[in-house]
């Protein structure tokens, strides 16, 4: 059985995944479109070596920020790792906030390989959105969802169509665990996380990329770096940039909830931040009960 841990940023997915890996003889497969890039550590809240606690992590730090990495490539890589982990009789634990990565890996999504890539870095969100509207006047993609707009335009350039092969059939025996909390608590945790990122070197990390004149999709799509680039460019103050990071992170968390609720069969658990071990035990017991149920159903079918 594959365990999948989802939820918004700052809710405790990393800690839960590591603890479950110890309990279930597991290996963790990252499902975060930003943590695959080397050097993007503080701004993506990437798991540290200390936080890993010796647990094997896959699909983290596998690409340079100058590289492109598509959902199609993630699907291929993740499925190979899943099969390898299962063949070694260990538990794959997929964890992350990029829902499309998770669904592409586990469901019957079909992608046409994109033979050409395109650089949209010189275009603003508004300019990209106008291009998409010319192709698809009825698009439901939000103007600020730059990553999805770029993906749609690239697909159109490669295939001449925006048609989607969004499969709804689950290919694996998978259990979807979601962590949630009160919105006010979550937003406060997000605000505190941004403050902690600054203390841990976020500005210096972003400045290092800025000084190298790197403005690739990997850096300019996620929250944190582009806001600080505007600060470095003199377009806003540091406080304004940090406030925008907090605001966009909160909005992103809301979008994550909406996506997971509509796209995946998630069992949600309210996080007990005062006693996180209770949350771990609740999730672990739920998994064990589901495993017993699956085993009983399997035995029952064999007897028929």
C-alpha atoms as a PDB file:
ATOM      1  CA  UNK A   1       0.000   0.000   0.000  1.00  0.00           C
ATOM      2  CA  UNK A   2       1.164   3.532  -0.838  1.00  0.00           C
ATOM      3  CA  UNK A   3       0.656   6.230   1.789  1.00  0.00           C
ATOM      4  CA  UNK A   4       0.032   9.749   0.502  1.00  0.00           C
ATOM      5  CA  UNK A   5       0.265  12.760   2.818  1.00  0.00           C
ATOM      6  CA  UNK A   6      -1.213  16.029   1.601  1.00  0.00           C
ATOM      7  CA  UNK A   7      -2.218  19.351   3.036  1.00  0.00           C
ATOM      8  CA  UNK A   8      -1.391  23.048   2.896  1.00  0.00           C
ATOM      9  CA  UNK A   9       1.965  24.548   3.692  1.00  0.00           C
ATOM     10  CA  UNK A  10       3.079  24.762   7.351  1.00  0.00           C
ATOM     11  CA  UNK A  11       0.698  22.078   8.618  1.00  0.00           C
ATOM     12  CA  UNK A  12       3.231  19.391   9.600  1.00  0.00           C
ATOM     13  CA  UNK A  13       3.452  17.065   6.568  1.00  0.00           C
ATOM     14  CA  UNK A  14       7.228  16.673   6.798  1.00  0.00           C
ATOM     15  CA  UNK A  15       7.270  15.599  10.450  1.00  0.00           C
ATOM     16  CA  UNK A  16       4.370  13.182   9.971  1.00  0.00           C
ATOM     17  CA  UNK A  17       5.942  11.579   6.909  1.00  0.00           C
ATOM     18  CA  UNK A  18       9.251  10.933   8.697  1.00  0.00           C
ATOM     19  CA  UNK A  19       7.545   9.436  11.742  1.00  0.00           C
ATOM     20  CA  UNK A  20       5.379   7.183   9.566  1.00  0.00           C
ATOM     21  CA  UNK A  21       8.445   6.090   7.618  1.00  0.00           C
ATOM     22  CA  UNK A  22       9.970   4.835  10.872  1.00  0.00           C
ATOM     23  CA  UNK A  23       6.765   3.037  11.843  1.00  0.00           C
ATOM     24  CA  UNK A  24       5.983   1.540   8.420  1.00  0.00           C
ATOM     25  CA  UNK A  25       9.472   0.738   7.103  1.00  0.00           C
ATOM     26  CA  UNK A  26       8.977   3.432   4.529  1.00  0.00           C
ATOM     27  CA  UNK A  27      10.828   5.652   2.101  1.00  0.00           C
ATOM     28  CA  UNK A  28       9.614   9.136   1.267  1.00  0.00           C
ATOM     29  CA  UNK A  29       8.926  10.347  -2.268  1.00  0.00           C
ATOM     30  CA  UNK A  30       8.705  14.118  -2.582  1.00  0.00           C
ATOM     31  CA  UNK A  31       5.735  15.603  -4.419  1.00  0.00           C
ATOM     32  CA  UNK A  32       6.735  19.245  -4.419  1.00  0.00           C
ATOM     33  CA  UNK A  33       7.433  21.091  -7.652  1.00  0.00           C
ATOM     34  CA  UNK A  34       9.955  23.394  -5.952  1.00  0.00           C
ATOM     35  CA  UNK A  35      11.885  21.062  -3.656  1.00  0.00           C
ATOM     36  CA  UNK A  36      13.229  19.083  -6.594  1.00  0.00           C
ATOM     37  CA  UNK A  37      15.644  21.959  -7.260  1.00  0.00           C
ATOM     38  CA  UNK A  38      19.047  22.142  -5.608  1.00  0.00           C
ATOM     39  CA  UNK A  39      19.789  25.288  -3.631  1.00  0.00           C
ATOM     40  CA  UNK A  40      16.145  26.275  -3.165  1.00  0.00           C
ATOM     41  CA  UNK A  41      16.168  25.220   0.458  1.00  0.00           C
ATOM     42  CA  UNK A  42      14.894  27.888   2.825  1.00  0.00           C
ATOM     43  CA  UNK A  43      12.328  29.368   0.451  1.00  0.00           C
ATOM     44  CA  UNK A  44      10.703  25.981  -0.199  1.00  0.00           C
ATOM     45  CA  UNK A  45      10.805  24.802   3.434  1.00  0.00           C
ATOM     46  CA  UNK A  46      12.800  21.811   2.216  1.00  0.00           C
ATOM     47  CA  UNK A  47      13.364  18.996   4.674  1.00  0.00           C
ATOM     48  CA  UNK A  48      16.808  19.267   6.284  1.00  0.00           C
ATOM     49  CA  UNK A  49      19.222  16.385   6.820  1.00  0.00           C
ATOM     50  CA  UNK A  50      18.489  16.570  10.542  1.00  0.00           C
ATOM     51  CA  UNK A  51      14.734  16.426   9.925  1.00  0.00           C
ATOM     52  CA  UNK A  52      15.123  13.372   7.667  1.00  0.00           C
ATOM     53  CA  UNK A  53      16.281  11.333  10.683  1.00  0.00           C
ATOM     54  CA  UNK A  54      18.033   8.872   8.397  1.00  0.00           C
ATOM     55  CA  UNK A  55      14.935   8.157   6.294  1.00  0.00           C
ATOM     56  CA  UNK A  56      15.573   7.863   2.542  1.00  0.00           C
ATOM     57  CA  UNK A  57      14.022  10.721   0.546  1.00  0.00           C
ATOM     58  CA  UNK A  58      13.502  10.614  -3.213  1.00  0.00           C
ATOM     59  CA  UNK A  59      12.897  13.388  -5.772  1.00  0.00           C
ATOM     60  CA  UNK A  60      14.395  16.138  -3.667  1.00  0.00           C
ATOM     61  CA  UNK A  61      17.470  18.070  -4.862  1.00  0.00           C
ATOM     62  CA  UNK A  62      17.532  16.269  -8.220  1.00  0.00           C
ATOM     63  CA  UNK A  63      17.564  19.242 -10.611  1.00  0.00           C
ATOM     64  CA  UNK A  64      19.506  22.460 -11.124  1.00  0.00           C
ATOM     65  CA  UNK A  65      17.458  25.679 -11.010  1.00  0.00           C
ATOM     66  CA  UNK A  66      18.416  26.264 -14.645  1.00  0.00           C
ATOM     67  CA  UNK A  67      16.742  22.995 -15.686  1.00  0.00           C
ATOM     68  CA  UNK A  68      13.138  22.495 -16.679  1.00  0.00           C
ATOM     69  CA  UNK A  69      11.164  19.675 -15.109  1.00  0.00           C
ATOM     70  CA  UNK A  70       7.670  18.799 -16.261  1.00  0.00           C
ATOM     71  CA  UNK A  71       4.792  16.880 -14.726  1.00  0.00           C
ATOM     72  CA  UNK A  72       5.379  14.297 -17.455  1.00  0.00           C
ATOM     73  CA  UNK A  73       8.941  13.762 -16.218  1.00  0.00           C
ATOM     74  CA  UNK A  74       7.800  13.609 -12.609  1.00  0.00           C
ATOM     75  CA  UNK A  75       5.243  10.953 -13.490  1.00  0.00           C
ATOM     76  CA  UNK A  76       7.910   8.729 -15.049  1.00  0.00           C
ATOM     77  CA  UNK A  77      10.412   9.241 -12.229  1.00  0.00           C
ATOM     78  CA  UNK A  78       7.899   8.774  -9.412  1.00  0.00           C
ATOM     79  CA  UNK A  79       6.441   5.571 -10.850  1.00  0.00           C
ATOM     80  CA  UNK A  80       9.885   4.030 -11.253  1.00  0.00           C
ATOM     81  CA  UNK A  81      10.684   4.833  -7.626  1.00  0.00           C
ATOM     82  CA  UNK A  82       7.320   3.541  -6.401  1.00  0.00           C
ATOM     83  CA  UNK A  83       7.883   0.199  -8.121  1.00  0.00           C
ATOM     84  CA  UNK A  84      11.422  -0.036  -6.766  1.00  0.00           C
ATOM     85  CA  UNK A  85      10.334   0.692  -3.184  1.00  0.00           C
ATOM     86  CA  UNK A  86       7.460  -1.799  -3.391  1.00  0.00           C
ATOM     87  CA  UNK A  87       9.732  -4.475  -4.874  1.00  0.00           C
ATOM     88  CA  UNK A  88      12.023  -4.077  -1.863  1.00  0.00           C
ATOM     89  CA  UNK A  89       8.999  -4.693   0.399  1.00  0.00           C
ATOM     90  CA  UNK A  90       9.042  -1.204   1.828  1.00  0.00           C
ATOM     91  CA  UNK A  91       6.284   1.397   2.037  1.00  0.00           C
ATOM     92  CA  UNK A  92       6.297   4.312  -0.421  1.00  0.00           C
ATOM     93  CA  UNK A  93       5.202   7.488   1.364  1.00  0.00           C
ATOM     94  CA  UNK A  94       4.410  10.297  -1.043  1.00  0.00           C
ATOM     95  CA  UNK A  95       4.354  13.697   0.621  1.00  0.00           C
ATOM     96  CA  UNK A  96       3.932  17.193  -0.729  1.00  0.00           C
ATOM     97  CA  UNK A  97       1.671  20.032  -1.649  1.00  0.00           C
ATOM     98  CA  UNK A  98       1.785  19.806  -5.443  1.00  0.00           C
ATOM     99  CA  UNK A  99      -1.472  18.009  -6.117  1.00  0.00           C
ATOM    100  CA  UNK A 100      -0.962  17.567  -9.840  1.00  0.00           C
ATOM    101  CA  UNK A 101       2.297  15.704  -9.228  1.00  0.00           C
ATOM    102  CA  UNK A 102       0.498  13.300  -6.902  1.00  0.00           C
ATOM    103  CA  UNK A 103      -2.392  12.689  -9.245  1.00  0.00           C
ATOM    104  CA  UNK A 104      -0.127  12.258 -12.268  1.00  0.00           C
ATOM    105  CA  UNK A 105       1.938   9.654 -10.428  1.00  0.00           C
ATOM    106  CA  UNK A 106      -0.942   7.576  -9.083  1.00  0.00           C
ATOM    107  CA  UNK A 107      -3.756   7.959 -11.612  1.00  0.00           C
ATOM    108  CA  UNK A 108      -4.074   7.084 -15.302  1.00  0.00           C
ATOM    109  CA  UNK A 109      -2.920  10.470 -16.521  1.00  0.00           C
ATOM    110  CA  UNK A 110      -1.576  10.296 -20.051  1.00  0.00           C
ATOM    111  CA  UNK A 111       0.888  12.874 -21.276  1.00  0.00           C
ATOM    112  CA  UNK A 112       2.266  13.476 -24.727  1.00  0.00           C
ATOM    113  CA  UNK A 113       5.972  14.069 -24.405  1.00  0.00           C
ATOM    114  CA  UNK A 114       6.795  17.722 -24.939  1.00  0.00           C
ATOM    115  CA  UNK A 115       9.645  17.773 -27.406  1.00  0.00           C
ATOM    116  CA  UNK A 116      10.122  21.547 -27.232  1.00  0.00           C
ATOM    117  CA  UNK A 117      10.340  23.863 -24.269  1.00  0.00           C
ATOM    118  CA  UNK A 118       9.605  27.570 -24.276  1.00  0.00           C
ATOM    119  CA  UNK A 119      10.959  30.457 -22.230  1.00  0.00           C
ATOM    120  CA  UNK A 120       8.229  32.753 -20.909  1.00  0.00           C
ATOM    121  CA  UNK A 121      10.337  34.547 -18.321  1.00  0.00           C
ATOM    122  CA  UNK A 122      10.196  37.881 -20.161  1.00  0.00           C
ATOM    123  CA  UNK A 123       6.397  37.933 -20.122  1.00  0.00           C
ATOM    124  CA  UNK A 124       4.294  39.175 -17.218  1.00  0.00           C
ATOM    125  CA  UNK A 125       1.377  37.201 -15.804  1.00  0.00           C
ATOM    126  CA  UNK A 126      -1.019  39.518 -17.623  1.00  0.00           C
ATOM    127  CA  UNK A 127       0.740  39.013 -20.979  1.00  0.00           C
ATOM    128  CA  UNK A 128       0.793  35.229 -20.551  1.00  0.00           C
ATOM    129  CA  UNK A 129      -2.873  35.228 -19.596  1.00  0.00           C
ATOM    130  CA  UNK A 130      -3.796  37.211 -22.731  1.00  0.00           C
ATOM    131  CA  UNK A 131      -1.973  34.637 -24.850  1.00  0.00           C
ATOM    132  CA  UNK A 132      -3.919  31.833 -23.202  1.00  0.00           C
ATOM    133  CA  UNK A 133      -7.242  33.658 -23.632  1.00  0.00           C
ATOM    134  CA  UNK A 134      -6.528  33.992 -27.356  1.00  0.00           C
ATOM    135  CA  UNK A 135      -6.218  30.208 -27.577  1.00  0.00           C
ATOM    136  CA  UNK A 136      -8.867  29.299 -25.011  1.00  0.00           C
ATOM    137  CA  UNK A 137     -11.357  32.128 -24.335  1.00  0.00           C
ATOM    138  CA  UNK A 138     -13.228  29.932 -21.827  1.00  0.00           C
ATOM    139  CA  UNK A 139     -10.170  28.997 -19.761  1.00  0.00           C
ATOM    140  CA  UNK A 140     -10.764  28.490 -16.046  1.00  0.00           C
ATOM    141  CA  UNK A 141      -7.087  28.969 -15.142  1.00  0.00           C
ATOM    142  CA  UNK A 142      -6.546  31.974 -12.878  1.00  0.00           C
ATOM    143  CA  UNK A 143      -4.347  34.765 -14.220  1.00  0.00           C
ATOM    144  CA  UNK A 144      -1.961  34.463 -11.261  1.00  0.00           C
ATOM    145  CA  UNK A 145      -1.480  30.711 -11.692  1.00  0.00           C
ATOM    146  CA  UNK A 146       1.570  31.234 -13.855  1.00  0.00           C
ATOM    147  CA  UNK A 147       2.760  27.637 -13.750  1.00  0.00           C
ATOM    148  CA  UNK A 148      -0.507  26.253 -15.143  1.00  0.00           C
ATOM    149  CA  UNK A 149      -0.670  28.954 -17.825  1.00  0.00           C
ATOM    150  CA  UNK A 150       2.881  28.173 -18.961  1.00  0.00           C
ATOM    151  CA  UNK A 151       2.094  24.457 -18.975  1.00  0.00           C
ATOM    152  CA  UNK A 152      -1.032  25.027 -21.082  1.00  0.00           C
ATOM    153  CA  UNK A 153       0.810  27.236 -23.578  1.00  0.00           C
ATOM    154  CA  UNK A 154       3.663  24.744 -23.873  1.00  0.00           C
ATOM    155  CA  UNK A 155       1.198  21.914 -24.497  1.00  0.00           C
ATOM    156  CA  UNK A 156      -0.511  23.950 -27.194  1.00  0.00           C
ATOM    157  CA  UNK A 157       2.818  24.790 -28.854  1.00  0.00           C
ATOM    158  CA  UNK A 158       3.811  21.112 -28.894  1.00  0.00           C
ATOM    159  CA  UNK A 159       0.524  19.438 -29.757  1.00  0.00           C
ATOM    160  CA  UNK A 160      -1.742  22.107 -31.217  1.00  0.00           C
ATOM    161  CA  UNK A 161      -4.373  21.337 -28.591  1.00  0.00           C
ATOM    162  CA  UNK A 162      -5.198  22.129 -24.987  1.00  0.00           C
ATOM    163  CA  UNK A 163      -7.038  18.851 -24.573  1.00  0.00           C
ATOM    164  CA  UNK A 164      -6.487  17.230 -21.202  1.00  0.00           C
ATOM    165  CA  UNK A 165      -6.038  13.541 -20.415  1.00  0.00           C
ATOM    166  CA  UNK A 166      -6.904  13.885 -16.743  1.00  0.00           C
ATOM    167  CA  UNK A 167      -7.395  10.309 -15.663  1.00  0.00           C
ATOM    168  CA  UNK A 168      -9.654   9.501 -12.755  1.00  0.00           C
ATOM    169  CA  UNK A 169      -8.697   5.844 -12.309  1.00  0.00           C
ATOM    170  CA  UNK A 170      -6.333   5.086  -9.438  1.00  0.00           C
ATOM    171  CA  UNK A 171      -3.572   2.721 -10.559  1.00  0.00           C
ATOM    172  CA  UNK A 172      -2.220   1.768  -7.141  1.00  0.00           C
ATOM    173  CA  UNK A 173      -3.465   0.676  -3.739  1.00  0.00           C
ATOM    174  CA  UNK A 174      -3.097   4.062  -2.090  1.00  0.00           C
ATOM    175  CA  UNK A 175      -4.347   5.710   1.085  1.00  0.00           C
ATOM    176  CA  UNK A 176      -4.666   9.516   1.120  1.00  0.00           C
ATOM    177  CA  UNK A 177      -4.034  11.280   4.437  1.00  0.00           C
ATOM    178  CA  UNK A 178      -4.665  15.001   4.805  1.00  0.00           C
ATOM    179  CA  UNK A 179      -3.531  17.289   7.606  1.00  0.00           C
ATOM    180  CA  UNK A 180      -5.668  20.293   8.420  1.00  0.00           C
ATOM    181  CA  UNK A 181      -6.252  22.860  11.119  1.00  0.00           C
ATOM    182  CA  UNK A 182      -8.299  25.944  11.896  1.00  0.00           C
ATOM    183  CA  UNK A 183      -7.723  28.602   9.235  1.00  0.00           C
ATOM    184  CA  UNK A 184      -6.694  31.245  11.758  1.00  0.00           C
ATOM    185  CA  UNK A 185      -4.166  28.852  13.275  1.00  0.00           C
ATOM    186  CA  UNK A 186      -2.859  27.912   9.831  1.00  0.00           C
ATOM    187  CA  UNK A 187      -2.478  31.518   8.740  1.00  0.00           C
ATOM    188  CA  UNK A 188      -0.617  32.359  11.931  1.00  0.00           C
ATOM    189  CA  UNK A 189       1.705  29.395  11.350  1.00  0.00           C
ATOM    190  CA  UNK A 190       2.314  30.576   7.789  1.00  0.00           C
ATOM    191  CA  UNK A 191       3.197  34.052   9.050  1.00  0.00           C
ATOM    192  CA  UNK A 192       5.542  32.567  11.646  1.00  0.00           C
ATOM    193  CA  UNK A 193       7.133  30.324   9.026  1.00  0.00           C
ATOM    194  CA  UNK A 194       7.995  33.328   6.854  1.00  0.00           C
ATOM    195  CA  UNK A 195       9.630  35.006   9.857  1.00  0.00           C
ATOM    196  CA  UNK A 196      11.590  31.813  10.560  1.00  0.00           C
ATOM    197  CA  UNK A 197      12.668  31.605   6.914  1.00  0.00           C
ATOM    198  CA  UNK A 198      14.131  35.104   7.138  1.00  0.00           C
ATOM    199  CA  UNK A 199      16.035  34.128  10.288  1.00  0.00           C
ATOM    200  CA  UNK A 200      17.287  30.979   8.543  1.00  0.00           C
ATOM    201  CA  UNK A 201      18.733  32.845   5.579  1.00  0.00           C
ATOM    202  CA  UNK A 202      15.908  33.288   3.047  1.00  0.00           C
ATOM    203  CA  UNK A 203      17.051  36.727   1.903  1.00  0.00           C
ATOM    204  CA  UNK A 204      20.648  35.579   1.481  1.00  0.00           C
ATOM    205  CA  UNK A 205      19.515  32.489  -0.438  1.00  0.00           C
ATOM    206  CA  UNK A 206      17.418  34.563  -2.830  1.00  0.00           C
ATOM    207  CA  UNK A 207      20.170  37.164  -3.172  1.00  0.00           C
ATOM    208  CA  UNK A 208      22.636  34.472  -4.231  1.00  0.00           C
ATOM    209  CA  UNK A 209      20.411  33.499  -7.161  1.00  0.00           C
ATOM    210  CA  UNK A 210      19.722  37.157  -7.971  1.00  0.00           C
ATOM    211  CA  UNK A 211      23.434  38.020  -8.100  1.00  0.00           C
ATOM    212  CA  UNK A 212      23.933  35.144 -10.549  1.00  0.00           C
ATOM    213  CA  UNK A 213      21.200  36.716 -12.726  1.00  0.00           C
ATOM    214  CA  UNK A 214      19.152  33.520 -12.609  1.00  0.00           C
ATOM    215  CA  UNK A 215      15.503  34.170 -13.461  1.00  0.00           C
ATOM    216  CA  UNK A 216      14.372  30.743 -14.567  1.00  0.00           C
ATOM    217  CA  UNK A 217      10.886  29.278 -14.249  1.00  0.00           C
ATOM    218  CA  UNK A 218      12.053  27.260 -11.248  1.00  0.00           C
ATOM    219  CA  UNK A 219      12.789  30.465  -9.334  1.00  0.00           C
ATOM    220  CA  UNK A 220      10.178  32.861 -10.665  1.00  0.00           C
ATOM    221  CA  UNK A 221       7.150  30.580 -10.287  1.00  0.00           C
ATOM    222  CA  UNK A 222       7.046  29.700  -6.551  1.00  0.00           C
ATOM    223  CA  UNK A 223       6.251  32.144  -3.773  1.00  0.00           C
ATOM    224  CA  UNK A 224       9.276  33.771  -2.040  1.00  0.00           C
ATOM    225  CA  UNK A 225      11.901  34.348  -4.688  1.00  0.00           C
ATOM    226  CA  UNK A 226      10.047  36.573  -7.156  1.00  0.00           C
ATOM    227  CA  UNK A 227       8.823  38.819  -4.340  1.00  0.00           C
ATOM    228  CA  UNK A 228      12.376  39.245  -3.057  1.00  0.00           C
ATOM    229  CA  UNK A 229      13.647  39.874  -6.588  1.00  0.00           C
ATOM    230  CA  UNK A 230      11.284  42.863  -6.697  1.00  0.00           C
ATOM    231  CA  UNK A 231      12.869  44.066  -3.466  1.00  0.00           C
ATOM    232  CA  UNK A 232      16.366  43.628  -4.903  1.00  0.00           C
ATOM    233  CA  UNK A 233      15.228  45.502  -8.031  1.00  0.00           C
ATOM    234  CA  UNK A 234      14.109  48.408  -5.844  1.00  0.00           C
ATOM    235  CA  UNK A 235      10.445  48.000  -6.741  1.00  0.00           C
ATOM    236  CA  UNK A 236       9.327  47.595  -3.120  1.00  0.00           C
ATOM    237  CA  UNK A 237      10.635  47.605   0.420  1.00  0.00           C
ATOM    238  CA  UNK A 238      11.695  44.455   2.244  1.00  0.00           C
ATOM    239  CA  UNK A 239       8.660  44.636   4.517  1.00  0.00           C
ATOM    240  CA  UNK A 240       6.366  44.960   1.504  1.00  0.00           C
ATOM    241  CA  UNK A 241       7.993  41.917  -0.117  1.00  0.00           C
ATOM    242  CA  UNK A 242       7.647  39.834   3.049  1.00  0.00           C
ATOM    243  CA  UNK A 243       4.022  40.902   3.544  1.00  0.00           C
ATOM    244  CA  UNK A 244       3.297  39.829  -0.027  1.00  0.00           C
ATOM    245  CA  UNK A 245       4.956  36.448   0.610  1.00  0.00           C
ATOM    246  CA  UNK A 246       2.727  35.962   3.661  1.00  0.00           C
ATOM    247  CA  UNK A 247      -0.405  36.984   1.782  1.00  0.00           C
ATOM    248  CA  UNK A 248       0.314  34.813  -1.263  1.00  0.00           C
ATOM    249  CA  UNK A 249       1.193  31.857   0.959  1.00  0.00           C
ATOM    250  CA  UNK A 250      -2.140  32.148   2.732  1.00  0.00           C
ATOM    251  CA  UNK A 251      -3.997  32.346  -0.591  1.00  0.00           C
ATOM    252  CA  UNK A 252      -2.048  29.354  -1.870  1.00  0.00           C
ATOM    253  CA  UNK A 253      -3.064  27.338   1.184  1.00  0.00           C
ATOM    254  CA  UNK A 254      -6.733  28.044   0.393  1.00  0.00           C
ATOM    255  CA  UNK A 255      -6.251  26.870  -3.197  1.00  0.00           C
ATOM    256  CA  UNK A 256      -4.519  23.714  -1.977  1.00  0.00           C
ATOM    257  CA  UNK A 257      -7.516  22.819   0.212  1.00  0.00           C
ATOM    258  CA  UNK A 258      -9.897  23.334  -2.692  1.00  0.00           C
ATOM    259  CA  UNK A 259      -7.819  21.214  -5.063  1.00  0.00           C
ATOM    260  CA  UNK A 260      -7.300  18.299  -2.691  1.00  0.00           C
ATOM    261  CA  UNK A 261     -10.973  18.229  -1.702  1.00  0.00           C
ATOM    262  CA  UNK A 262     -12.097  18.059  -5.318  1.00  0.00           C
ATOM    263  CA  UNK A 263      -9.423  15.820  -6.798  1.00  0.00           C
ATOM    264  CA  UNK A 264      -8.386  13.216  -4.205  1.00  0.00           C
ATOM    265  CA  UNK A 265     -10.215  10.929  -1.738  1.00  0.00           C
ATOM    266  CA  UNK A 266      -8.550  12.434   1.318  1.00  0.00           C
ATOM    267  CA  UNK A 267      -9.162  11.422   4.920  1.00  0.00           C
ATOM    268  CA  UNK A 268      -8.538  14.626   6.892  1.00  0.00           C
ATOM    269  CA  UNK A 269      -7.016  14.790  10.364  1.00  0.00           C
ATOM    270  CA  UNK A 270      -7.059  17.884  12.585  1.00  0.00           C
ATOM    271  CA  UNK A 271      -3.495  18.461  13.723  1.00  0.00           C
ATOM    272  CA  UNK A 272      -2.804  18.647  17.438  1.00  0.00           C
ATOM    273  CA  UNK A 273       0.138  21.042  17.489  1.00  0.00           C
ATOM    274  CA  UNK A 274       0.389  20.899  21.279  1.00  0.00           C
ATOM    275  CA  UNK A 275       0.753  17.102  21.153  1.00  0.00           C
ATOM    276  CA  UNK A 276       1.788  16.114  17.647  1.00  0.00           C
ATOM    277  CA  UNK A 277       2.378  12.537  18.788  1.00  0.00           C
ATOM    278  CA  UNK A 278      -1.377  12.199  19.161  1.00  0.00           C
ATOM    279  CA  UNK A 279      -1.817  13.153  15.512  1.00  0.00           C
ATOM    280  CA  UNK A 280       0.840  10.631  14.526  1.00  0.00           C
ATOM    281  CA  UNK A 281      -0.889   7.890  16.523  1.00  0.00           C
ATOM    282  CA  UNK A 282      -4.305   8.736  15.080  1.00  0.00           C
ATOM    283  CA  UNK A 283      -2.988   8.556  11.519  1.00  0.00           C
ATOM    284  CA  UNK A 284      -0.990   5.389  12.171  1.00  0.00           C
ATOM    285  CA  UNK A 285      -3.980   3.604  13.716  1.00  0.00           C
ATOM    286  CA  UNK A 286      -6.149   4.640  10.777  1.00  0.00           C
ATOM    287  CA  UNK A 287      -3.594   3.205   8.337  1.00  0.00           C
ATOM    288  CA  UNK A 288      -3.328  -0.048  10.261  1.00  0.00           C
ATOM    289  CA  UNK A 289      -7.116  -0.446  10.335  1.00  0.00           C
ATOM    290  CA  UNK A 290      -7.321   0.189   6.605  1.00  0.00           C
ATOM    291  CA  UNK A 291      -4.601  -2.374   5.990  1.00  0.00           C
ATOM    292  CA  UNK A 292      -6.486  -4.960   8.036  1.00  0.00           C
ATOM    293  CA  UNK A 293      -9.648  -4.167   6.098  1.00  0.00           C
ATOM    294  CA  UNK A 294      -7.870  -4.599   2.778  1.00  0.00           C
ATOM    295  CA  UNK A 295      -6.394  -7.919   3.921  1.00  0.00           C
ATOM    296  CA  UNK A 296      -9.802  -9.177   5.120  1.00  0.00           C
ATOM    297  CA  UNK A 297     -11.446  -8.232   1.839  1.00  0.00           C
ATOM    298  CA  UNK A 298      -8.657  -9.952  -0.083  1.00  0.00           C
ATOM    299  CA  UNK A 299      -9.074 -13.161   1.941  1.00  0.00           C
ATOM    300  CA  UNK A 300     -12.847 -12.988   1.539  1.00  0.00           C
ATOM    301  CA  UNK A 301     -12.580 -12.722  -2.227  1.00  0.00           C
ATOM    302  CA  UNK A 302     -10.224 -15.717  -2.354  1.00  0.00           C
ATOM    303  CA  UNK A 303     -12.710 -17.881  -0.418  1.00  0.00           C
ATOM    304  CA  UNK A 304     -15.602 -17.103  -2.766  1.00  0.00           C
END
